Amino acid sequence: MCDICVINAVKDKMLSRREFFRAGAAAGAVAAVGAASATPVRAHNHGGITDLTYSLSSEFPTWGGEPGFAAEQVFKFAKDGFNLLNLTINEHTGTHIDAPLHFSADGNSVDEIPVENLIAPICVVDIAARAAEDADTTVTPDDLKAWISAHGDIPDGACVAMHSGWGAHVTTEKFRNFDGQAQHYPGFHVEAAQMLMEETGAASLAVDTLSLDPGNSADFATHYAWLPSNRFGIENMANLDKLPASGATVFIGAPKFAGGTGGPARIIAMV
């Protein structure tokens, strides 16, 4: 076969292959549109999505009182063509996870939390009215029994969350509520944590305050009871007042870095 014939034959073959892939891509696009139309990203029976996460900043209150977050801009778009920040973060700042390793010698680190426990039914125990009168109040076994009486058993793998209304104070000194001797805000009583461990399959505790324990705790009894059992905690959860007591599902975006005792998390609820 002559050279020009070989060249033309190759060209024809390439064109036919291009047409084939072009046609395939078009058919795929049509199929994708059809699939998208038939299967929406979010099922229609969900009422909405709620962000349960505070934005991190150097001003966000911390348990120790010192800033837990800093950001340094090392590349700027105007000069470098892109933006990039170096972050310095205390693991336990903002809306964050307490991994079992935080209060145990050899518990799971944050990257070892079973992924199936990061999508969970959330049970919201409302003690806001009581907390408005007594900053040192706690979630007790009686509160859990009342929740169960009203809403049924606490599901396996559940996140049991305390709604104390403390989020209303997050931009003020009252969020820490330090009187020079101790902090004052609600948390879980250790007996409530023990009840959940012994009588339910709950996998996580959550609070809308700085600590799983009440602020005036001197022994961190709830931390020491709950976390060494290889369950985890969530502190500084936002917008719990926007969730029903039962029926919502929470998606816990736990950070995944080796050996972490916790870390900032993006937490979203679907109702």
C-alpha atoms as a PDB file:
ATOM      1  CA  MET A   1       0.000   0.000   0.000  1.00  0.00           C
ATOM      2  CA  CYS A   2       1.349   3.489  -0.863  1.00  0.00           C
ATOM      3  CA  ASP A   3       2.341   5.933   1.881  1.00  0.00           C
ATOM      4  CA  ILE A   4      -0.499   8.299   1.104  1.00  0.00           C
ATOM      5  CA  CYS A   5      -2.951   5.404   1.225  1.00  0.00           C
ATOM      6  CA  VAL A   6      -1.666   4.372   4.653  1.00  0.00           C
ATOM      7  CA  ILE A   7      -1.985   7.951   5.930  1.00  0.00           C
ATOM      8  CA  ASN A   8      -5.542   8.297   4.632  1.00  0.00           C
ATOM      9  CA  ALA A   9      -6.517   4.956   6.110  1.00  0.00           C
ATOM     10  CA  VAL A  10      -5.194   5.982   9.539  1.00  0.00           C
ATOM     11  CA  LYS A  11      -7.049   9.318   9.293  1.00  0.00           C
ATOM     12  CA  ASP A  12     -10.308   7.573   8.445  1.00  0.00           C
ATOM     13  CA  LYS A  13      -9.849   5.190  11.347  1.00  0.00           C
ATOM     14  CA  MET A  14      -9.142   8.060  13.771  1.00  0.00           C
ATOM     15  CA  LEU A  15     -12.197   9.983  12.610  1.00  0.00           C
ATOM     16  CA  SER A  16     -14.412   6.950  12.990  1.00  0.00           C
ATOM     17  CA  ARG A  17     -13.090   6.417  16.551  1.00  0.00           C
ATOM     18  CA  ARG A  18     -13.728  10.082  17.409  1.00  0.00           C
ATOM     19  CA  GLU A  19     -17.290   9.834  16.147  1.00  0.00           C
ATOM     20  CA  PHE A  20     -17.764   6.675  18.171  1.00  0.00           C
ATOM     21  CA  PHE A  21     -16.581   8.279  21.425  1.00  0.00           C
ATOM     22  CA  ARG A  22     -18.501  11.499  20.662  1.00  0.00           C
ATOM     23  CA  ALA A  23     -21.686   9.518  20.208  1.00  0.00           C
ATOM     24  CA  GLY A  24     -20.978   7.511  23.351  1.00  0.00           C
ATOM     25  CA  ALA A  25     -20.427  10.650  25.392  1.00  0.00           C
ATOM     26  CA  ALA A  26     -23.675  12.158  24.148  1.00  0.00           C
ATOM     27  CA  ALA A  27     -25.569   9.004  25.002  1.00  0.00           C
ATOM     28  CA  GLY A  28     -23.959   8.978  28.451  1.00  0.00           C
ATOM     29  CA  ALA A  29     -24.956  12.584  29.057  1.00  0.00           C
ATOM     30  CA  VAL A  30     -28.551  11.824  28.125  1.00  0.00           C
ATOM     31  CA  ALA A  31     -28.528   8.821  30.437  1.00  0.00           C
ATOM     32  CA  ALA A  32     -27.044  10.909  33.258  1.00  0.00           C
ATOM     33  CA  VAL A  33     -29.708  13.584  32.856  1.00  0.00           C
ATOM     34  CA  GLY A  34     -32.375  10.920  32.877  1.00  0.00           C
ATOM     35  CA  ALA A  35     -30.903   9.330  35.975  1.00  0.00           C
ATOM     36  CA  ALA A  36     -30.671  12.706  37.708  1.00  0.00           C
ATOM     37  CA  SER A  37     -34.287  13.389  36.880  1.00  0.00           C
ATOM     38  CA  ALA A  38     -35.364   9.990  38.163  1.00  0.00           C
ATOM     39  CA  THR A  39     -33.176   9.999  41.322  1.00  0.00           C
ATOM     40  CA  PRO A  40     -32.856  13.352  43.096  1.00  0.00           C
ATOM     41  CA  VAL A  41     -29.751  14.001  45.173  1.00  0.00           C
ATOM     42  CA  ARG A  42     -31.883  14.474  48.287  1.00  0.00           C
ATOM     43  CA  ALA A  43     -35.042  12.483  48.837  1.00  0.00           C
ATOM     44  CA  HIS A  44     -38.215  14.569  48.823  1.00  0.00           C
ATOM     45  CA  ASN A  45     -39.322  13.287  52.213  1.00  0.00           C
ATOM     46  CA  HIS A  46     -36.549  15.158  54.020  1.00  0.00           C
ATOM     47  CA  GLY A  47     -37.616  18.472  55.444  1.00  0.00           C
ATOM     48  CA  GLY A  48     -34.262  20.189  55.348  1.00  0.00           C
ATOM     49  CA  ILE A  49     -30.583  20.267  56.240  1.00  0.00           C
ATOM     50  CA  THR A  50     -29.166  22.044  59.301  1.00  0.00           C
ATOM     51  CA  ASP A  51     -25.535  22.985  59.880  1.00  0.00           C
ATOM     52  CA  LEU A  52     -24.568  22.141  63.456  1.00  0.00           C
ATOM     53  CA  THR A  53     -21.086  23.673  63.149  1.00  0.00           C
ATOM     54  CA  TYR A  54     -19.611  26.972  64.287  1.00  0.00           C
ATOM     55  CA  SER A  55     -17.089  28.769  62.087  1.00  0.00           C
ATOM     56  CA  LEU A  56     -13.558  28.565  63.451  1.00  0.00           C
ATOM     57  CA  SER A  57     -11.842  31.811  64.347  1.00  0.00           C
ATOM     58  CA  SER A  58      -9.317  33.100  66.825  1.00  0.00           C
ATOM     59  CA  GLU A  59     -12.206  34.680  68.766  1.00  0.00           C
ATOM     60  CA  PHE A  60     -14.082  31.416  69.389  1.00  0.00           C
ATOM     61  CA  PRO A  61     -14.215  30.630  73.137  1.00  0.00           C
ATOM     62  CA  THR A  62     -12.029  27.782  74.378  1.00  0.00           C
ATOM     63  CA  TRP A  63     -12.024  25.773  77.586  1.00  0.00           C
ATOM     64  CA  GLY A  64      -8.635  27.138  78.617  1.00  0.00           C
ATOM     65  CA  GLY A  65      -9.405  30.706  77.613  1.00  0.00           C
ATOM     66  CA  GLU A  66      -6.526  31.059  75.135  1.00  0.00           C
ATOM     67  CA  PRO A  67      -7.176  31.322  71.368  1.00  0.00           C
ATOM     68  CA  GLY A  68      -7.245  27.875  69.796  1.00  0.00           C
ATOM     69  CA  PHE A  69      -7.057  28.867  66.139  1.00  0.00           C
ATOM     70  CA  ALA A  70      -4.801  31.056  64.012  1.00  0.00           C
ATOM     71  CA  ALA A  71      -4.522  31.554  60.255  1.00  0.00           C
ATOM     72  CA  GLU A  72      -1.561  33.063  58.424  1.00  0.00           C
ATOM     73  CA  GLN A  73      -1.952  33.945  54.760  1.00  0.00           C
ATOM     74  CA  VAL A  74       1.262  32.915  53.004  1.00  0.00           C
ATOM     75  CA  PHE A  75       0.099  33.285  49.391  1.00  0.00           C
ATOM     76  CA  LYS A  76      -2.208  36.013  48.099  1.00  0.00           C
ATOM     77  CA  PHE A  77      -4.149  36.017  44.865  1.00  0.00           C
ATOM     78  CA  ALA A  78      -3.140  39.555  43.903  1.00  0.00           C
ATOM     79  CA  LYS A  79       0.540  38.695  44.139  1.00  0.00           C
ATOM     80  CA  ASP A  80       0.777  34.943  43.612  1.00  0.00           C
ATOM     81  CA  GLY A  81      -2.281  34.057  41.556  1.00  0.00           C
ATOM     82  CA  PHE A  82      -3.798  31.929  44.343  1.00  0.00           C
ATOM     83  CA  ASN A  83      -4.662  32.086  48.052  1.00  0.00           C
ATOM     84  CA  LEU A  84      -3.242  29.760  50.723  1.00  0.00           C
ATOM     85  CA  LEU A  85      -3.312  29.842  54.515  1.00  0.00           C
ATOM     86  CA  ASN A  86      -1.190  28.115  57.135  1.00  0.00           C
ATOM     87  CA  LEU A  87      -3.399  27.081  60.055  1.00  0.00           C
ATOM     88  CA  THR A  88      -2.481  26.555  63.698  1.00  0.00           C
ATOM     89  CA  ILE A  89      -5.255  24.699  65.510  1.00  0.00           C
ATOM     90  CA  ASN A  90      -5.737  23.240  68.962  1.00  0.00           C
ATOM     91  CA  GLU A  91      -7.525  19.911  68.383  1.00  0.00           C
ATOM     92  CA  HIS A  92     -10.255  20.824  70.846  1.00  0.00           C
ATOM     93  CA  THR A  93     -11.400  24.139  69.421  1.00  0.00           C
ATOM     94  CA  GLY A  94     -14.735  25.143  67.954  1.00  0.00           C
ATOM     95  CA  THR A  95     -17.205  22.415  67.039  1.00  0.00           C
ATOM     96  CA  HIS A  96     -14.983  19.400  67.536  1.00  0.00           C
ATOM     97  CA  ILE A  97     -14.611  15.706  68.297  1.00  0.00           C
ATOM     98  CA  ASP A  98     -13.326  14.236  71.553  1.00  0.00           C
ATOM     99  CA  ALA A  99     -11.817  10.922  70.463  1.00  0.00           C
ATOM    100  CA  PRO A 100     -11.509   8.083  73.009  1.00  0.00           C
ATOM    101  CA  LEU A 101      -7.749   8.697  73.083  1.00  0.00           C
ATOM    102  CA  HIS A 102      -8.366  12.157  74.565  1.00  0.00           C
ATOM    103  CA  PHE A 103      -9.094  10.662  78.012  1.00  0.00           C
ATOM    104  CA  SER A 104      -7.550   7.195  77.854  1.00  0.00           C
ATOM    105  CA  ALA A 105      -4.131   5.634  77.478  1.00  0.00           C
ATOM    106  CA  ASP A 106      -4.871   3.552  74.402  1.00  0.00           C
ATOM    107  CA  GLY A 107      -8.358   4.340  73.090  1.00  0.00           C
ATOM    108  CA  ASN A 108      -9.179   4.959  69.443  1.00  0.00           C
ATOM    109  CA  SER A 109      -7.596   8.038  67.936  1.00  0.00           C
ATOM    110  CA  VAL A 110      -9.844  10.276  65.870  1.00  0.00           C
ATOM    111  CA  ASP A 111      -8.913   8.513  62.611  1.00  0.00           C
ATOM    112  CA  GLU A 112      -9.852   5.155  64.168  1.00  0.00           C
ATOM    113  CA  ILE A 113     -13.459   6.045  65.027  1.00  0.00           C
ATOM    114  CA  PRO A 114     -15.579   3.485  63.114  1.00  0.00           C
ATOM    115  CA  VAL A 115     -17.001   5.184  60.062  1.00  0.00           C
ATOM    116  CA  GLU A 116     -20.426   3.615  60.674  1.00  0.00           C
ATOM    117  CA  ASN A 117     -20.673   5.704  63.870  1.00  0.00           C
ATOM    118  CA  LEU A 118     -20.217   8.955  61.926  1.00  0.00           C
ATOM    119  CA  ILE A 119     -23.724   8.753  60.436  1.00  0.00           C
ATOM    120  CA  ALA A 120     -26.192   8.445  63.281  1.00  0.00           C
ATOM    121  CA  PRO A 121     -29.711   9.127  64.507  1.00  0.00           C
ATOM    122  CA  ILE A 122     -29.546  12.098  66.844  1.00  0.00           C
ATOM    123  CA  CYS A 123     -31.563  12.230  70.062  1.00  0.00           C
ATOM    124  CA  VAL A 124     -31.883  15.774  71.399  1.00  0.00           C
ATOM    125  CA  VAL A 125     -32.428  16.049  75.157  1.00  0.00           C
ATOM    126  CA  ASP A 126     -33.730  19.539  75.907  1.00  0.00           C
ATOM    127  CA  ILE A 127     -32.782  21.028  79.291  1.00  0.00           C
ATOM    128  CA  ALA A 128     -32.746  24.656  78.105  1.00  0.00           C
ATOM    129  CA  ALA A 129     -35.475  25.884  80.450  1.00  0.00           C
ATOM    130  CA  ARG A 130     -33.654  24.470  83.455  1.00  0.00           C
ATOM    131  CA  ALA A 131     -30.279  25.760  82.269  1.00  0.00           C
ATOM    132  CA  ALA A 132     -31.687  29.283  81.994  1.00  0.00           C
ATOM    133  CA  GLU A 133     -32.241  29.166  85.764  1.00  0.00           C
ATOM    134  CA  ASP A 134     -29.210  27.082  86.770  1.00  0.00           C
ATOM    135  CA  ALA A 135     -25.977  27.202  84.743  1.00  0.00           C
ATOM    136  CA  ASP A 136     -24.634  24.159  86.627  1.00  0.00           C
ATOM    137  CA  THR A 137     -27.507  21.854  85.744  1.00  0.00           C
ATOM    138  CA  THR A 138     -26.814  18.533  84.011  1.00  0.00           C
ATOM    139  CA  VAL A 139     -28.484  15.900  81.875  1.00  0.00           C
ATOM    140  CA  THR A 140     -29.484  13.197  84.357  1.00  0.00           C
ATOM    141  CA  PRO A 141     -30.815   9.645  84.065  1.00  0.00           C
ATOM    142  CA  ASP A 142     -34.285  11.065  84.751  1.00  0.00           C
ATOM    143  CA  ASP A 143     -33.945  13.282  81.659  1.00  0.00           C
ATOM    144  CA  LEU A 144     -33.006  10.251  79.575  1.00  0.00           C
ATOM    145  CA  LYS A 145     -35.930   8.240  80.978  1.00  0.00           C
ATOM    146  CA  ALA A 146     -38.311  11.090  80.134  1.00  0.00           C
ATOM    147  CA  TRP A 147     -36.918  11.241  76.573  1.00  0.00           C
ATOM    148  CA  ILE A 148     -37.358   7.484  76.151  1.00  0.00           C
ATOM    149  CA  SER A 149     -40.896   7.650  77.542  1.00  0.00           C
ATOM    150  CA  ALA A 150     -41.808  10.335  75.000  1.00  0.00           C
ATOM    151  CA  HIS A 151     -39.888   9.126  71.937  1.00  0.00           C
ATOM    152  CA  GLY A 152     -39.062   5.440  72.336  1.00  0.00           C
ATOM    153  CA  ASP A 153     -35.797   3.598  72.775  1.00  0.00           C
ATOM    154  CA  ILE A 154     -32.514   5.306  71.977  1.00  0.00           C
ATOM    155  CA  PRO A 155     -31.327   3.676  68.719  1.00  0.00           C
ATOM    156  CA  ASP A 156     -28.095   1.764  68.403  1.00  0.00           C
ATOM    157  CA  GLY A 157     -25.271   4.006  67.223  1.00  0.00           C
ATOM    158  CA  ALA A 158     -27.173   7.126  68.263  1.00  0.00           C
ATOM    159  CA  CYS A 159     -25.673  10.504  69.035  1.00  0.00           C
ATOM    160  CA  VAL A 160     -27.320  11.709  72.254  1.00  0.00           C
ATOM    161  CA  ALA A 161     -27.144  15.495  72.348  1.00  0.00           C
ATOM    162  CA  MET A 162     -27.757  17.960  75.158  1.00  0.00           C
ATOM    163  CA  HIS A 163     -29.606  21.113  74.097  1.00  0.00           C
ATOM    164  CA  SER A 164     -29.079  23.596  76.927  1.00  0.00           C
ATOM    165  CA  GLY A 165     -29.601  26.795  74.945  1.00  0.00           C
ATOM    166  CA  TRP A 166     -25.990  27.775  75.685  1.00  0.00           C
ATOM    167  CA  GLY A 167     -25.383  28.666  72.054  1.00  0.00           C
ATOM    168  CA  ALA A 168     -27.118  31.977  72.739  1.00  0.00           C
ATOM    169  CA  HIS A 169     -24.022  32.982  74.740  1.00  0.00           C
ATOM    170  CA  VAL A 170     -21.323  31.936  72.275  1.00  0.00           C
ATOM    171  CA  THR A 171     -20.273  35.506  71.459  1.00  0.00           C
ATOM    172  CA  THR A 172     -20.129  36.592  75.114  1.00  0.00           C
ATOM    173  CA  GLU A 173     -18.091  35.832  78.219  1.00  0.00           C
ATOM    174  CA  LYS A 174     -21.035  33.853  79.554  1.00  0.00           C
ATOM    175  CA  PHE A 175     -20.252  30.984  77.177  1.00  0.00           C
ATOM    176  CA  ARG A 176     -17.200  30.192  79.365  1.00  0.00           C
ATOM    177  CA  ASN A 177     -18.870  31.719  82.418  1.00  0.00           C
ATOM    178  CA  PHE A 178     -15.672  31.726  84.470  1.00  0.00           C
ATOM    179  CA  ASP A 179     -15.989  33.248  87.926  1.00  0.00           C
ATOM    180  CA  GLY A 180     -12.303  33.114  88.829  1.00  0.00           C
ATOM    181  CA  GLN A 181     -12.622  29.696  90.435  1.00  0.00           C
ATOM    182  CA  ALA A 182     -14.608  27.567  88.007  1.00  0.00           C
ATOM    183  CA  GLN A 183     -16.569  27.697  84.780  1.00  0.00           C
ATOM    184  CA  HIS A 184     -20.342  27.362  84.856  1.00  0.00           C
ATOM    185  CA  TYR A 185     -22.365  25.766  82.058  1.00  0.00           C
ATOM    186  CA  PRO A 186     -24.367  22.540  81.666  1.00  0.00           C
ATOM    187  CA  GLY A 187     -23.082  19.104  80.723  1.00  0.00           C
ATOM    188  CA  PHE A 188     -23.855  15.403  81.138  1.00  0.00           C
ATOM    189  CA  HIS A 189     -23.930  13.989  84.635  1.00  0.00           C
ATOM    190  CA  VAL A 190     -21.703  10.924  84.844  1.00  0.00           C
ATOM    191  CA  GLU A 191     -24.685   8.801  85.870  1.00  0.00           C
ATOM    192  CA  ALA A 192     -26.452   9.701  82.611  1.00  0.00           C
ATOM    193  CA  ALA A 193     -23.356   8.665  80.650  1.00  0.00           C
ATOM    194  CA  GLN A 194     -23.211   5.398  82.582  1.00  0.00           C
ATOM    195  CA  MET A 195     -26.900   4.727  81.908  1.00  0.00           C
ATOM    196  CA  LEU A 196     -26.343   5.214  78.174  1.00  0.00           C
ATOM    197  CA  MET A 197     -23.335   2.879  78.270  1.00  0.00           C
ATOM    198  CA  GLU A 198     -25.133   0.160  80.219  1.00  0.00           C
ATOM    199  CA  GLU A 199     -28.641   0.312  78.765  1.00  0.00           C
ATOM    200  CA  THR A 200     -28.296   1.591  75.184  1.00  0.00           C
ATOM    201  CA  GLY A 201     -26.112   1.253  72.107  1.00  0.00           C
ATOM    202  CA  ALA A 202     -25.454   4.989  71.839  1.00  0.00           C
ATOM    203  CA  ALA A 203     -22.080   5.723  70.214  1.00  0.00           C
ATOM    204  CA  SER A 204     -21.565   9.418  70.928  1.00  0.00           C
ATOM    205  CA  LEU A 205     -22.474  12.241  73.299  1.00  0.00           C
ATOM    206  CA  ALA A 206     -22.836  15.827  72.103  1.00  0.00           C
ATOM    207  CA  VAL A 207     -23.176  19.147  73.912  1.00  0.00           C
ATOM    208  CA  ASP A 208     -23.743  22.778  72.953  1.00  0.00           C
ATOM    209  CA  THR A 209     -21.175  23.848  75.569  1.00  0.00           C
ATOM    210  CA  LEU A 210     -17.404  23.672  75.968  1.00  0.00           C
ATOM    211  CA  SER A 211     -17.338  20.303  77.720  1.00  0.00           C
ATOM    212  CA  LEU A 212     -19.147  16.984  78.038  1.00  0.00           C
ATOM    213  CA  ASP A 213     -18.851  17.541  81.796  1.00  0.00           C
ATOM    214  CA  PRO A 214     -20.539  20.526  83.426  1.00  0.00           C
ATOM    215  CA  GLY A 215     -18.250  23.538  83.603  1.00  0.00           C
ATOM    216  CA  ASN A 216     -17.788  23.318  87.372  1.00  0.00           C
ATOM    217  CA  SER A 217     -16.541  19.721  87.229  1.00  0.00           C
ATOM    218  CA  ALA A 218     -13.258  19.156  89.045  1.00  0.00           C
ATOM    219  CA  ASP A 219     -12.781  15.508  88.043  1.00  0.00           C
ATOM    220  CA  PHE A 220     -14.065  15.213  84.432  1.00  0.00           C
ATOM    221  CA  ALA A 221     -16.035  12.150  85.515  1.00  0.00           C
ATOM    222  CA  THR A 222     -18.123  12.017  82.339  1.00  0.00           C
ATOM    223  CA  HIS A 223     -15.060  12.234  80.094  1.00  0.00           C
ATOM    224  CA  TYR A 224     -13.345   9.480  82.076  1.00  0.00           C
ATOM    225  CA  ALA A 225     -16.430   7.234  82.000  1.00  0.00           C
ATOM    226  CA  TRP A 226     -17.469   7.740  78.371  1.00  0.00           C
ATOM    227  CA  LEU A 227     -14.316   8.085  76.286  1.00  0.00           C
ATOM    228  CA  PRO A 228     -12.332   5.073  77.568  1.00  0.00           C
ATOM    229  CA  SER A 229     -15.262   2.870  76.471  1.00  0.00           C
ATOM    230  CA  ASN A 230     -14.232   3.735  72.879  1.00  0.00           C
ATOM    231  CA  ARG A 231     -17.230   5.974  72.414  1.00  0.00           C
ATOM    232  CA  PHE A 232     -16.630   9.581  71.359  1.00  0.00           C
ATOM    233  CA  GLY A 233     -17.909  13.044  72.159  1.00  0.00           C
ATOM    234  CA  ILE A 234     -18.777  16.249  70.309  1.00  0.00           C
ATOM    235  CA  GLU A 235     -18.457  19.659  71.962  1.00  0.00           C
ATOM    236  CA  ASN A 236     -19.686  23.130  70.927  1.00  0.00           C
ATOM    237  CA  MET A 237     -22.447  21.833  68.670  1.00  0.00           C
ATOM    238  CA  ALA A 238     -24.523  24.629  67.123  1.00  0.00           C
ATOM    239  CA  ASN A 239     -28.209  24.991  66.243  1.00  0.00           C
ATOM    240  CA  LEU A 240     -29.578  22.109  68.282  1.00  0.00           C
ATOM    241  CA  ASP A 241     -32.683  24.226  68.866  1.00  0.00           C
ATOM    242  CA  LYS A 242     -33.502  23.766  65.171  1.00  0.00           C
ATOM    243  CA  LEU A 243     -33.729  19.965  65.419  1.00  0.00           C
ATOM    244  CA  PRO A 244     -36.623  17.809  66.571  1.00  0.00           C
ATOM    245  CA  ALA A 245     -36.113  15.671  69.663  1.00  0.00           C
ATOM    246  CA  SER A 246     -36.025  12.576  67.457  1.00  0.00           C
ATOM    247  CA  GLY A 247     -36.140  11.703  63.784  1.00  0.00           C
ATOM    248  CA  ALA A 248     -33.084  13.561  62.448  1.00  0.00           C
ATOM    249  CA  THR A 249     -29.885  12.009  61.134  1.00  0.00           C
ATOM    250  CA  VAL A 250     -26.501  13.568  61.817  1.00  0.00           C
ATOM    251  CA  PHE A 251     -23.449  13.364  59.528  1.00  0.00           C
ATOM    252  CA  ILE A 252     -20.250  13.820  61.535  1.00  0.00           C
ATOM    253  CA  GLY A 253     -17.313  14.983  59.433  1.00  0.00           C
ATOM    254  CA  ALA A 254     -14.608  13.853  61.845  1.00  0.00           C
ATOM    255  CA  PRO A 255     -11.051  14.764  60.857  1.00  0.00           C
ATOM    256  CA  LYS A 256      -8.812  11.874  59.878  1.00  0.00           C
ATOM    257  CA  PHE A 257      -5.229  12.327  60.972  1.00  0.00           C
ATOM    258  CA  ALA A 258      -3.114   9.655  62.608  1.00  0.00           C
ATOM    259  CA  GLY A 259      -2.958   9.710  66.383  1.00  0.00           C
ATOM    260  CA  GLY A 260      -5.374  12.619  66.840  1.00  0.00           C
ATOM    261  CA  THR A 261      -7.113  13.002  70.192  1.00  0.00           C
ATOM    262  CA  GLY A 262      -9.871  14.940  68.436  1.00  0.00           C
ATOM    263  CA  GLY A 263     -10.224  17.776  66.006  1.00  0.00           C
ATOM    264  CA  PRO A 264     -12.556  20.335  64.441  1.00  0.00           C
ATOM    265  CA  ALA A 265     -15.491  18.712  62.646  1.00  0.00           C
ATOM    266  CA  ARG A 266     -18.186  19.752  60.165  1.00  0.00           C
ATOM    267  CA  ILE A 267     -21.472  18.354  61.426  1.00  0.00           C
ATOM    268  CA  ILE A 268     -24.686  18.402  59.427  1.00  0.00           C
ATOM    269  CA  ALA A 269     -28.164  17.154  60.281  1.00  0.00           C
ATOM    270  CA  MET A 270     -30.821  15.996  57.849  1.00  0.00           C
ATOM    271  CA  VAL A 271     -34.365  16.142  59.159  1.00  0.00           C
END
